[in-house]
Amino acid sequence: MKRRRGYSLVELLVVISMSSVMLGIITVLFTLLFRIERSGRDHVRHSAVLGRLADQFRRDVHATPVGGVSVGEPVQFSPAPDRTITYGTPHGAVIRIERVGSEEVRRESFVLPSSCSASIGSPPDAKGPTVTLSIAPRTDTQPRRPGRTLRVDALLGRDHRFANPRGDESS
């Protein structure tokens, strides 16, 4: 009996089909991994933006004396007689504009996740002069998972870094 030296056509077809199935599975796995990585990166970026926004909002509210806030759209804080900070909440972002006199010295834009909206106001159940920044899931979209509302409460006048240390108005 002679030994054969090659592979039959059926054996080659089996190997090729198994290889193509494995390549298909690997392609799907890589696609899922890239999607998960992109989702995780977006989550980290949005968390960092929301953390910066919450810290800046608290600092601005704490620096504003009681009576130095005008709630409406946009919200305006007056931590010092010649300094104003305005927060606006256009669709998909929170815009912070800082002015000294009439000159704009800083403009910051905090981009929100696409499924969220922001509002700034004074809560009715507040104990003391409180201003609240709420970032909630929008009601006009149906997110895959319902999100939670982020609520940042800050008391007016807790920080006196812009107060006149001598107490007189001439400076």
N, C-alpha and C. Protein backbone atom coordinates (compact mmCIF):
# COMPACT_ATOMS: atom_id res chain seq x y z
N MET A 1 0.82 -1.16 0.00
CA MET A 1 0.00 0.00 0.00
C MET A 1 0.88 1.25 0.00
N LYS A 2 0.49 2.22 -0.80
CA LYS A 2 1.25 3.45 -0.91
C LYS A 2 0.78 4.45 0.12
N ARG A 3 1.72 5.23 0.68
CA ARG A 3 1.38 6.33 1.59
C ARG A 3 1.09 7.56 0.77
N ARG A 4 0.07 8.26 1.14
CA ARG A 4 -0.20 9.49 0.40
C ARG A 4 0.64 10.61 0.99
N ARG A 5 1.01 11.56 0.19
CA ARG A 5 1.92 12.61 0.60
C ARG A 5 1.22 13.95 0.80
N GLY A 6 -0.02 14.16 0.48
CA GLY A 6 -0.69 15.45 0.58
C GLY A 6 -1.97 15.34 1.40
N TYR A 7 -2.75 16.39 1.32
CA TYR A 7 -4.03 16.44 2.02
C TYR A 7 -5.15 16.38 1.00
N SER A 8 -6.23 15.82 1.44
CA SER A 8 -7.36 15.75 0.51
C SER A 8 -8.08 17.10 0.48
N LEU A 9 -8.90 17.27 -0.52
CA LEU A 9 -9.65 18.50 -0.69
C LEU A 9 -10.61 18.72 0.48
N VAL A 10 -11.20 17.68 0.98
CA VAL A 10 -12.13 17.78 2.10
C VAL A 10 -11.40 18.26 3.35
N GLU A 11 -10.22 17.75 3.61
CA GLU A 11 -9.45 18.19 4.77
C GLU A 11 -9.09 19.68 4.66
N LEU A 12 -8.72 20.13 3.49
CA LEU A 12 -8.40 21.55 3.30
C LEU A 12 -9.63 22.42 3.49
N LEU A 13 -10.78 21.99 3.00
CA LEU A 13 -12.00 22.75 3.18
C LEU A 13 -12.39 22.84 4.66
N VAL A 14 -12.20 21.78 5.40
CA VAL A 14 -12.51 21.80 6.84
C VAL A 14 -11.60 22.79 7.56
N VAL A 15 -10.33 22.78 7.25
CA VAL A 15 -9.39 23.70 7.89
C VAL A 15 -9.71 25.15 7.51
N ILE A 16 -10.02 25.40 6.27
CA ILE A 16 -10.35 26.77 5.83
C ILE A 16 -11.64 27.24 6.50
N SER A 17 -12.65 26.39 6.58
CA SER A 17 -13.91 26.82 7.22
C SER A 17 -13.71 27.04 8.72
N MET A 18 -12.94 26.23 9.39
CA MET A 18 -12.67 26.45 10.82
C MET A 18 -11.89 27.74 11.02
N SER A 19 -10.95 28.02 10.15
CA SER A 19 -10.18 29.26 10.25
C SER A 19 -11.08 30.47 10.04
N SER A 20 -12.00 30.40 9.08
CA SER A 20 -12.87 31.54 8.83
C SER A 20 -13.84 31.75 9.99
N VAL A 21 -14.32 30.69 10.62
CA VAL A 21 -15.20 30.82 11.79
C VAL A 21 -14.42 31.47 12.93
N MET A 22 -13.19 31.05 13.16
CA MET A 22 -12.38 31.64 14.23
C MET A 22 -12.08 33.11 13.94
N LEU A 23 -11.79 33.46 12.71
CA LEU A 23 -11.55 34.86 12.35
C LEU A 23 -12.82 35.70 12.55
N GLY A 24 -13.98 35.14 12.23
CA GLY A 24 -15.24 35.85 12.45
C GLY A 24 -15.48 36.11 13.93
N ILE A 25 -15.22 35.11 14.76
CA ILE A 25 -15.39 35.27 16.21
C ILE A 25 -14.41 36.32 16.75
N ILE A 26 -13.18 36.27 16.29
CA ILE A 26 -12.17 37.24 16.74
C ILE A 26 -12.56 38.65 16.32
N THR A 27 -13.09 38.81 15.10
CA THR A 27 -13.52 40.13 14.63
C THR A 27 -14.64 40.69 15.50
N VAL A 28 -15.61 39.85 15.83
CA VAL A 28 -16.71 40.29 16.69
C VAL A 28 -16.19 40.67 18.08
N LEU A 29 -15.27 39.88 18.62
CA LEU A 29 -14.71 40.18 19.94
C LEU A 29 -13.95 41.52 19.92
N PHE A 30 -13.16 41.76 18.89
CA PHE A 30 -12.44 43.03 18.81
C PHE A 30 -13.40 44.20 18.68
N THR A 31 -14.46 44.04 17.90
CA THR A 31 -15.45 45.10 17.77
C THR A 31 -16.08 45.40 19.12
N LEU A 32 -16.46 44.38 19.87
CA LEU A 32 -17.03 44.58 21.20
C LEU A 32 -16.03 45.24 22.15
N LEU A 33 -14.79 44.81 22.10
CA LEU A 33 -13.77 45.40 22.97
C LEU A 33 -13.56 46.88 22.65
N PHE A 34 -13.52 47.24 21.38
CA PHE A 34 -13.36 48.65 21.01
C PHE A 34 -14.56 49.47 21.45
N ARG A 35 -15.76 48.90 21.31
CA ARG A 35 -16.96 49.62 21.73
C ARG A 35 -16.97 49.83 23.25
N ILE A 36 -16.59 48.82 24.00
CA ILE A 36 -16.53 48.93 25.47
C ILE A 36 -15.46 49.95 25.87
N GLU A 37 -14.33 49.93 25.20
CA GLU A 37 -13.25 50.89 25.51
C GLU A 37 -13.71 52.32 25.22
N ARG A 38 -14.39 52.54 24.11
CA ARG A 38 -14.89 53.88 23.77
C ARG A 38 -15.93 54.33 24.79
N SER A 39 -16.80 53.43 25.19
CA SER A 39 -17.81 53.77 26.19
C SER A 39 -17.16 54.12 27.53
N GLY A 40 -16.17 53.35 27.93
CA GLY A 40 -15.46 53.64 29.18
C GLY A 40 -14.72 54.96 29.12
N ARG A 41 -14.10 55.27 27.98
CA ARG A 41 -13.39 56.53 27.81
C ARG A 41 -14.37 57.71 27.89
N ASP A 42 -15.53 57.57 27.24
CA ASP A 42 -16.55 58.63 27.30
C ASP A 42 -17.04 58.83 28.73
N HIS A 43 -17.24 57.74 29.44
CA HIS A 43 -17.70 57.83 30.83
C HIS A 43 -16.68 58.57 31.70
N VAL A 44 -15.41 58.24 31.54
CA VAL A 44 -14.36 58.90 32.32
C VAL A 44 -14.30 60.39 31.97
N ARG A 45 -14.39 60.71 30.68
CA ARG A 45 -14.34 62.11 30.25
C ARG A 45 -15.54 62.90 30.81
N HIS A 46 -16.74 62.33 30.72
CA HIS A 46 -17.92 63.02 31.24
C HIS A 46 -17.86 63.16 32.76
N SER A 47 -17.35 62.15 33.44
CA SER A 47 -17.21 62.24 34.89
C SER A 47 -16.24 63.35 35.28
N ALA A 48 -15.15 63.47 34.54
CA ALA A 48 -14.18 64.54 34.83
C ALA A 48 -14.79 65.91 34.58
N VAL A 49 -15.55 66.07 33.50
CA VAL A 49 -16.19 67.35 33.20
C VAL A 49 -17.20 67.70 34.29
N LEU A 50 -18.02 66.72 34.69
CA LEU A 50 -19.01 66.98 35.72
C LEU A 50 -18.36 67.29 37.07
N GLY A 51 -17.25 66.66 37.37
CA GLY A 51 -16.52 66.95 38.60
C GLY A 51 -15.95 68.36 38.60
N ARG A 52 -15.37 68.77 37.47
CA ARG A 52 -14.84 70.14 37.37
C ARG A 52 -15.96 71.16 37.47
N LEU A 53 -17.09 70.88 36.81
CA LEU A 53 -18.23 71.78 36.86
C LEU A 53 -18.77 71.91 38.29
N ALA A 54 -18.91 70.79 38.98
CA ALA A 54 -19.42 70.83 40.36
C ALA A 54 -18.49 71.61 41.27
N ASP A 55 -17.18 71.39 41.15
CA ASP A 55 -16.21 72.12 41.98
C ASP A 55 -16.25 73.62 41.70
N GLN A 56 -16.27 73.99 40.42
CA GLN A 56 -16.30 75.41 40.06
C GLN A 56 -17.61 76.07 40.51
N PHE A 57 -18.72 75.38 40.34
CA PHE A 57 -20.02 75.92 40.76
C PHE A 57 -20.04 76.15 42.26
N ARG A 58 -19.56 75.18 43.04
CA ARG A 58 -19.52 75.35 44.51
C ARG A 58 -18.65 76.55 44.89
N ARG A 59 -17.47 76.66 44.28
CA ARG A 59 -16.59 77.79 44.59
C ARG A 59 -17.25 79.12 44.28
N ASP A 60 -17.93 79.21 43.15
CA ASP A 60 -18.59 80.46 42.77
C ASP A 60 -19.73 80.79 43.73
N VAL A 61 -20.53 79.81 44.08
CA VAL A 61 -21.66 80.06 45.00
C VAL A 61 -21.14 80.42 46.38
N HIS A 62 -20.14 79.71 46.86
CA HIS A 62 -19.58 79.99 48.19
C HIS A 62 -18.97 81.39 48.24
N ALA A 63 -18.43 81.88 47.14
CA ALA A 63 -17.80 83.21 47.13
C ALA A 63 -18.83 84.33 47.00
N THR A 64 -20.05 84.01 46.66
CA THR A 64 -21.09 85.02 46.46
C THR A 64 -21.83 85.27 47.77
N PRO A 65 -21.93 86.51 48.21
CA PRO A 65 -22.68 86.79 49.45
C PRO A 65 -24.18 86.60 49.24
N VAL A 66 -24.89 86.43 50.35
CA VAL A 66 -26.34 86.29 50.29
C VAL A 66 -26.90 87.55 49.65
N GLY A 67 -27.79 87.39 48.70
CA GLY A 67 -28.35 88.52 47.98
C GLY A 67 -27.57 88.87 46.73
N GLY A 68 -26.47 88.19 46.46
CA GLY A 68 -25.64 88.49 45.29
C GLY A 68 -25.91 87.57 44.13
N VAL A 69 -27.09 86.94 44.13
CA VAL A 69 -27.41 86.02 43.05
C VAL A 69 -28.73 86.43 42.40
N SER A 70 -28.77 86.30 41.10
CA SER A 70 -29.98 86.56 40.34
C SER A 70 -30.34 85.28 39.61
N VAL A 71 -31.38 84.58 40.13
CA VAL A 71 -31.77 83.29 39.56
C VAL A 71 -32.74 83.54 38.41
N GLY A 72 -32.49 82.92 37.32
CA GLY A 72 -33.28 83.03 36.11
C GLY A 72 -32.49 82.34 35.02
N GLU A 73 -32.68 82.70 33.80
CA GLU A 73 -31.85 82.15 32.73
C GLU A 73 -31.24 83.31 31.98
N PRO A 74 -29.98 83.55 32.06
CA PRO A 74 -28.95 82.84 32.81
C PRO A 74 -28.90 83.28 34.27
N VAL A 75 -28.23 82.46 35.07
CA VAL A 75 -28.05 82.76 36.49
C VAL A 75 -26.80 83.62 36.63
N GLN A 76 -26.89 84.65 37.46
CA GLN A 76 -25.76 85.57 37.61
C GLN A 76 -25.38 85.68 39.09
N PHE A 77 -24.09 85.47 39.36
CA PHE A 77 -23.54 85.62 40.71
C PHE A 77 -22.67 86.87 40.74
N SER A 78 -22.71 87.59 41.85
CA SER A 78 -21.87 88.78 42.03
C SER A 78 -21.05 88.63 43.31
N PRO A 79 -19.89 87.95 43.24
CA PRO A 79 -19.08 87.75 44.44
C PRO A 79 -18.41 89.03 44.93
N ALA A 80 -18.23 90.01 44.08
CA ALA A 80 -17.63 91.29 44.43
C ALA A 80 -18.36 92.36 43.63
N PRO A 81 -18.30 93.62 44.07
CA PRO A 81 -19.04 94.68 43.36
C PRO A 81 -18.69 94.81 41.88
N ASP A 82 -17.44 94.56 41.50
CA ASP A 82 -17.06 94.73 40.10
C ASP A 82 -16.90 93.41 39.36
N ARG A 83 -17.30 92.30 39.97
CA ARG A 83 -17.08 90.99 39.39
C ARG A 83 -18.40 90.25 39.28
N THR A 84 -18.70 89.67 38.10
CA THR A 84 -19.91 88.87 37.91
C THR A 84 -19.55 87.56 37.25
N ILE A 85 -20.30 86.54 37.61
CA ILE A 85 -20.14 85.22 37.01
C ILE A 85 -21.51 84.80 36.53
N THR A 86 -21.61 84.45 35.26
CA THR A 86 -22.88 84.07 34.66
C THR A 86 -22.83 82.61 34.24
N TYR A 87 -23.87 81.87 34.60
CA TYR A 87 -24.02 80.48 34.18
C TYR A 87 -25.23 80.39 33.26
N GLY A 88 -25.03 79.88 32.06
CA GLY A 88 -26.11 79.63 31.12
C GLY A 88 -26.17 78.14 30.83
N THR A 89 -27.35 77.66 30.52
CA THR A 89 -27.52 76.23 30.25
C THR A 89 -28.15 76.01 28.89
N PRO A 90 -27.41 76.34 27.80
CA PRO A 90 -27.95 76.01 26.48
C PRO A 90 -27.99 74.50 26.29
N HIS A 91 -28.63 74.06 25.26
CA HIS A 91 -28.80 72.62 25.02
C HIS A 91 -27.46 71.89 24.97
N GLY A 92 -27.25 70.97 25.90
CA GLY A 92 -26.07 70.12 25.88
C GLY A 92 -24.82 70.67 26.53
N ALA A 93 -24.90 71.82 27.21
CA ALA A 93 -23.70 72.38 27.82
C ALA A 93 -24.08 73.33 28.95
N VAL A 94 -23.10 73.62 29.78
CA VAL A 94 -23.21 74.68 30.79
C VAL A 94 -22.09 75.65 30.46
N ILE A 95 -22.45 76.91 30.24
CA ILE A 95 -21.48 77.95 29.89
C ILE A 95 -21.27 78.85 31.10
N ARG A 96 -20.01 79.04 31.49
CA ARG A 96 -19.66 79.91 32.62
C ARG A 96 -18.85 81.08 32.05
N ILE A 97 -19.33 82.30 32.32
CA ILE A 97 -18.65 83.50 31.85
C ILE A 97 -18.31 84.36 33.06
N GLU A 98 -17.05 84.69 33.22
CA GLU A 98 -16.59 85.51 34.33
C GLU A 98 -16.21 86.88 33.78
N ARG A 99 -16.74 87.91 34.41
CA ARG A 99 -16.45 89.29 33.97
C ARG A 99 -15.94 90.10 35.15
N VAL A 100 -14.98 90.97 34.87
CA VAL A 100 -14.52 91.97 35.82
C VAL A 100 -14.87 93.30 35.17
N GLY A 101 -15.78 94.03 35.80
CA GLY A 101 -16.32 95.22 35.17
C GLY A 101 -17.16 94.78 33.98
N SER A 102 -16.87 95.32 32.82
CA SER A 102 -17.58 94.88 31.61
C SER A 102 -16.72 93.99 30.73
N GLU A 103 -15.49 93.72 31.18
CA GLU A 103 -14.56 92.92 30.39
C GLU A 103 -14.69 91.44 30.74
N GLU A 104 -14.83 90.62 29.71
CA GLU A 104 -14.90 89.17 29.90
C GLU A 104 -13.49 88.63 30.10
N VAL A 105 -13.24 88.02 31.28
CA VAL A 105 -11.90 87.51 31.55
C VAL A 105 -11.79 86.00 31.38
N ARG A 106 -12.91 85.29 31.44
CA ARG A 106 -12.86 83.83 31.27
C ARG A 106 -14.20 83.33 30.78
N ARG A 107 -14.15 82.40 29.85
CA ARG A 107 -15.35 81.72 29.36
C ARG A 107 -15.04 80.23 29.34
N GLU A 108 -15.88 79.46 30.00
CA GLU A 108 -15.69 78.02 30.05
C GLU A 108 -16.97 77.34 29.58
N SER A 109 -16.80 76.25 28.86
CA SER A 109 -17.93 75.46 28.40
C SER A 109 -17.77 74.05 28.93
N PHE A 110 -18.76 73.58 29.65
CA PHE A 110 -18.76 72.23 30.19
C PHE A 110 -19.77 71.43 29.37
N VAL A 111 -19.29 70.55 28.50
CA VAL A 111 -20.17 69.78 27.62
C VAL A 111 -20.74 68.60 28.41
N LEU A 112 -22.06 68.50 28.39
CA LEU A 112 -22.76 67.44 29.12
C LEU A 112 -22.90 66.21 28.25
N PRO A 113 -23.13 65.05 28.87
CA PRO A 113 -23.45 63.87 28.06
C PRO A 113 -24.70 64.16 27.22
N SER A 114 -24.79 63.51 26.07
CA SER A 114 -25.86 63.84 25.12
C SER A 114 -27.25 63.56 25.68
N SER A 115 -27.37 62.71 26.67
CA SER A 115 -28.69 62.38 27.20
C SER A 115 -29.05 63.19 28.44
N CYS A 116 -28.31 64.26 28.74
CA CYS A 116 -28.53 65.04 29.96
C CYS A 116 -28.84 66.50 29.66
N SER A 117 -29.51 67.13 30.62
CA SER A 117 -29.75 68.57 30.56
C SER A 117 -29.48 69.14 31.95
N ALA A 118 -29.19 70.44 32.01
CA ALA A 118 -28.84 71.08 33.28
C ALA A 118 -29.82 72.19 33.60
N SER A 119 -29.99 72.42 34.89
CA SER A 119 -30.79 73.55 35.36
C SER A 119 -30.18 74.07 36.65
N ILE A 120 -30.32 75.38 36.86
CA ILE A 120 -29.79 76.02 38.06
C ILE A 120 -30.93 76.76 38.70
N GLY A 121 -31.06 76.60 40.01
CA GLY A 121 -32.15 77.28 40.70
C GLY A 121 -31.97 77.21 42.20
N SER A 122 -32.98 77.68 42.89
CA SER A 122 -32.99 77.65 44.34
C SER A 122 -34.05 76.65 44.77
N PRO A 123 -33.66 75.59 45.46
CA PRO A 123 -34.63 74.56 45.82
C PRO A 123 -35.61 75.06 46.88
N PRO A 124 -36.88 74.67 46.79
CA PRO A 124 -37.87 75.13 47.77
C PRO A 124 -37.66 74.52 49.15
N ASP A 125 -37.04 73.35 49.22
CA ASP A 125 -36.84 72.67 50.50
C ASP A 125 -35.50 73.00 51.15
N ALA A 126 -34.82 74.05 50.68
CA ALA A 126 -33.48 74.37 51.16
C ALA A 126 -33.52 74.98 52.56
N LYS A 127 -32.51 74.62 53.34
CA LYS A 127 -32.32 75.21 54.66
C LYS A 127 -31.21 76.23 54.53
N GLY A 128 -31.56 77.48 54.43
CA GLY A 128 -30.57 78.53 54.24
C GLY A 128 -30.51 78.95 52.78
N PRO A 129 -29.66 79.92 52.49
CA PRO A 129 -29.55 80.43 51.12
C PRO A 129 -28.75 79.47 50.24
N THR A 130 -29.46 78.60 49.55
CA THR A 130 -28.84 77.54 48.76
C THR A 130 -29.15 77.72 47.28
N VAL A 131 -28.16 77.44 46.46
CA VAL A 131 -28.34 77.41 45.00
C VAL A 131 -27.98 76.00 44.55
N THR A 132 -28.79 75.45 43.65
CA THR A 132 -28.62 74.06 43.21
C THR A 132 -28.37 73.98 41.72
N LEU A 133 -27.40 73.18 41.35
CA LEU A 133 -27.16 72.81 39.97
C LEU A 133 -27.62 71.37 39.80
N SER A 134 -28.58 71.13 38.93
CA SER A 134 -29.10 69.78 38.69
C SER A 134 -28.79 69.36 37.27
N ILE A 135 -28.21 68.19 37.15
CA ILE A 135 -27.94 67.60 35.85
C ILE A 135 -28.72 66.29 35.81
N ALA A 136 -29.74 66.26 34.97
CA ALA A 136 -30.68 65.14 34.95
C ALA A 136 -30.78 64.56 33.55
N PRO A 137 -31.19 63.30 33.47
CA PRO A 137 -31.46 62.72 32.14
C PRO A 137 -32.59 63.49 31.46
N ARG A 138 -32.44 63.76 30.18
CA ARG A 138 -33.48 64.47 29.45
C ARG A 138 -34.71 63.59 29.32
N THR A 139 -35.86 64.21 29.34
CA THR A 139 -37.11 63.45 29.24
C THR A 139 -37.50 63.20 27.79
N ASP A 140 -36.91 63.93 26.84
CA ASP A 140 -37.28 63.74 25.44
C ASP A 140 -36.52 62.61 24.77
N THR A 141 -35.56 62.02 25.45
CA THR A 141 -34.84 60.88 24.90
C THR A 141 -35.08 59.67 25.78
N GLN A 142 -34.98 58.53 25.21
CA GLN A 142 -35.13 57.29 25.95
C GLN A 142 -33.76 56.63 26.08
N PRO A 143 -33.05 56.88 27.17
CA PRO A 143 -31.72 56.26 27.30
C PRO A 143 -31.86 54.75 27.47
N ARG A 144 -30.79 54.09 27.13
CA ARG A 144 -30.79 52.64 27.28
C ARG A 144 -30.96 52.26 28.75
N ARG A 145 -30.28 52.98 29.61
CA ARG A 145 -30.43 52.79 31.05
C ARG A 145 -30.86 54.12 31.64
N PRO A 146 -31.86 54.14 32.47
CA PRO A 146 -32.22 55.43 33.08
C PRO A 146 -31.10 55.90 33.99
N GLY A 147 -30.71 57.16 33.84
CA GLY A 147 -29.63 57.71 34.64
C GLY A 147 -30.16 58.36 35.91
N ARG A 148 -29.25 58.67 36.78
CA ARG A 148 -29.61 59.35 38.02
C ARG A 148 -29.35 60.84 37.87
N THR A 149 -30.06 61.62 38.66
CA THR A 149 -29.87 63.06 38.65
C THR A 149 -28.71 63.43 39.56
N LEU A 150 -27.80 64.23 39.04
CA LEU A 150 -26.70 64.78 39.84
C LEU A 150 -27.16 66.12 40.37
N ARG A 151 -27.13 66.28 41.67
CA ARG A 151 -27.58 67.53 42.29
C ARG A 151 -26.44 68.08 43.13
N VAL A 152 -26.04 69.31 42.81
CA VAL A 152 -24.95 69.99 43.52
C VAL A 152 -25.58 71.15 44.28
N ASP A 153 -25.64 71.04 45.61
CA ASP A 153 -26.16 72.11 46.45
C ASP A 153 -24.99 72.88 47.04
N ALA A 154 -25.10 74.20 47.05
CA ALA A 154 -24.03 75.03 47.61
C ALA A 154 -24.68 76.20 48.36
N LEU A 155 -24.12 76.52 49.52
CA LEU A 155 -24.62 77.63 50.33
C LEU A 155 -23.94 78.93 49.92
N LEU A 156 -24.73 79.96 49.81
CA LEU A 156 -24.19 81.28 49.47
C LEU A 156 -23.39 81.84 50.64
N GLY A 157 -22.31 82.52 50.31
CA GLY A 157 -21.55 83.26 51.30
C GLY A 157 -20.67 82.46 52.24
N ARG A 158 -20.32 81.25 51.91
CA ARG A 158 -19.47 80.46 52.80
C ARG A 158 -18.00 80.82 52.67
N ASP A 159 -17.61 81.44 51.58
CA ASP A 159 -16.21 81.79 51.33
C ASP A 159 -16.14 83.31 51.22
N HIS A 160 -15.23 83.92 51.94
CA HIS A 160 -15.14 85.38 51.95
C HIS A 160 -13.85 85.88 51.33
N ARG A 161 -13.34 85.22 50.31
CA ARG A 161 -12.07 85.63 49.71
C ARG A 161 -12.19 86.92 48.93
N PHE A 162 -13.40 87.31 48.52
CA PHE A 162 -13.57 88.56 47.78
C PHE A 162 -14.11 89.67 48.66
N ALA A 163 -14.35 89.37 49.92
CA ALA A 163 -14.87 90.40 50.82
C ALA A 163 -13.76 91.39 51.15
N ASN A 164 -14.14 92.62 51.39
CA ASN A 164 -13.19 93.66 51.75
C ASN A 164 -12.76 93.42 53.20
N PRO A 165 -11.49 93.17 53.49
CA PRO A 165 -11.07 92.81 54.84
C PRO A 165 -11.26 93.95 55.84
N ARG A 166 -11.21 95.21 55.39
CA ARG A 166 -11.36 96.33 56.32
C ARG A 166 -12.82 96.70 56.54
N GLY A 167 -13.68 96.23 55.66
CA GLY A 167 -15.09 96.52 55.84
C GLY A 167 -15.54 97.83 55.26
N ASP A 168 -14.64 98.64 54.72
CA ASP A 168 -15.07 99.90 54.13
C ASP A 168 -15.30 99.72 52.63
N GLU A 169 -16.03 100.60 52.04
CA GLU A 169 -16.39 100.49 50.62
C GLU A 169 -15.38 101.16 49.72
N SER A 170 -14.43 101.90 50.24
CA SER A 170 -13.46 102.62 49.39
C SER A 170 -12.22 101.78 49.16
N SER A 171 -12.14 101.16 48.02
CA SER A 171 -10.95 100.38 47.65
C SER A 171 -10.73 100.46 46.17
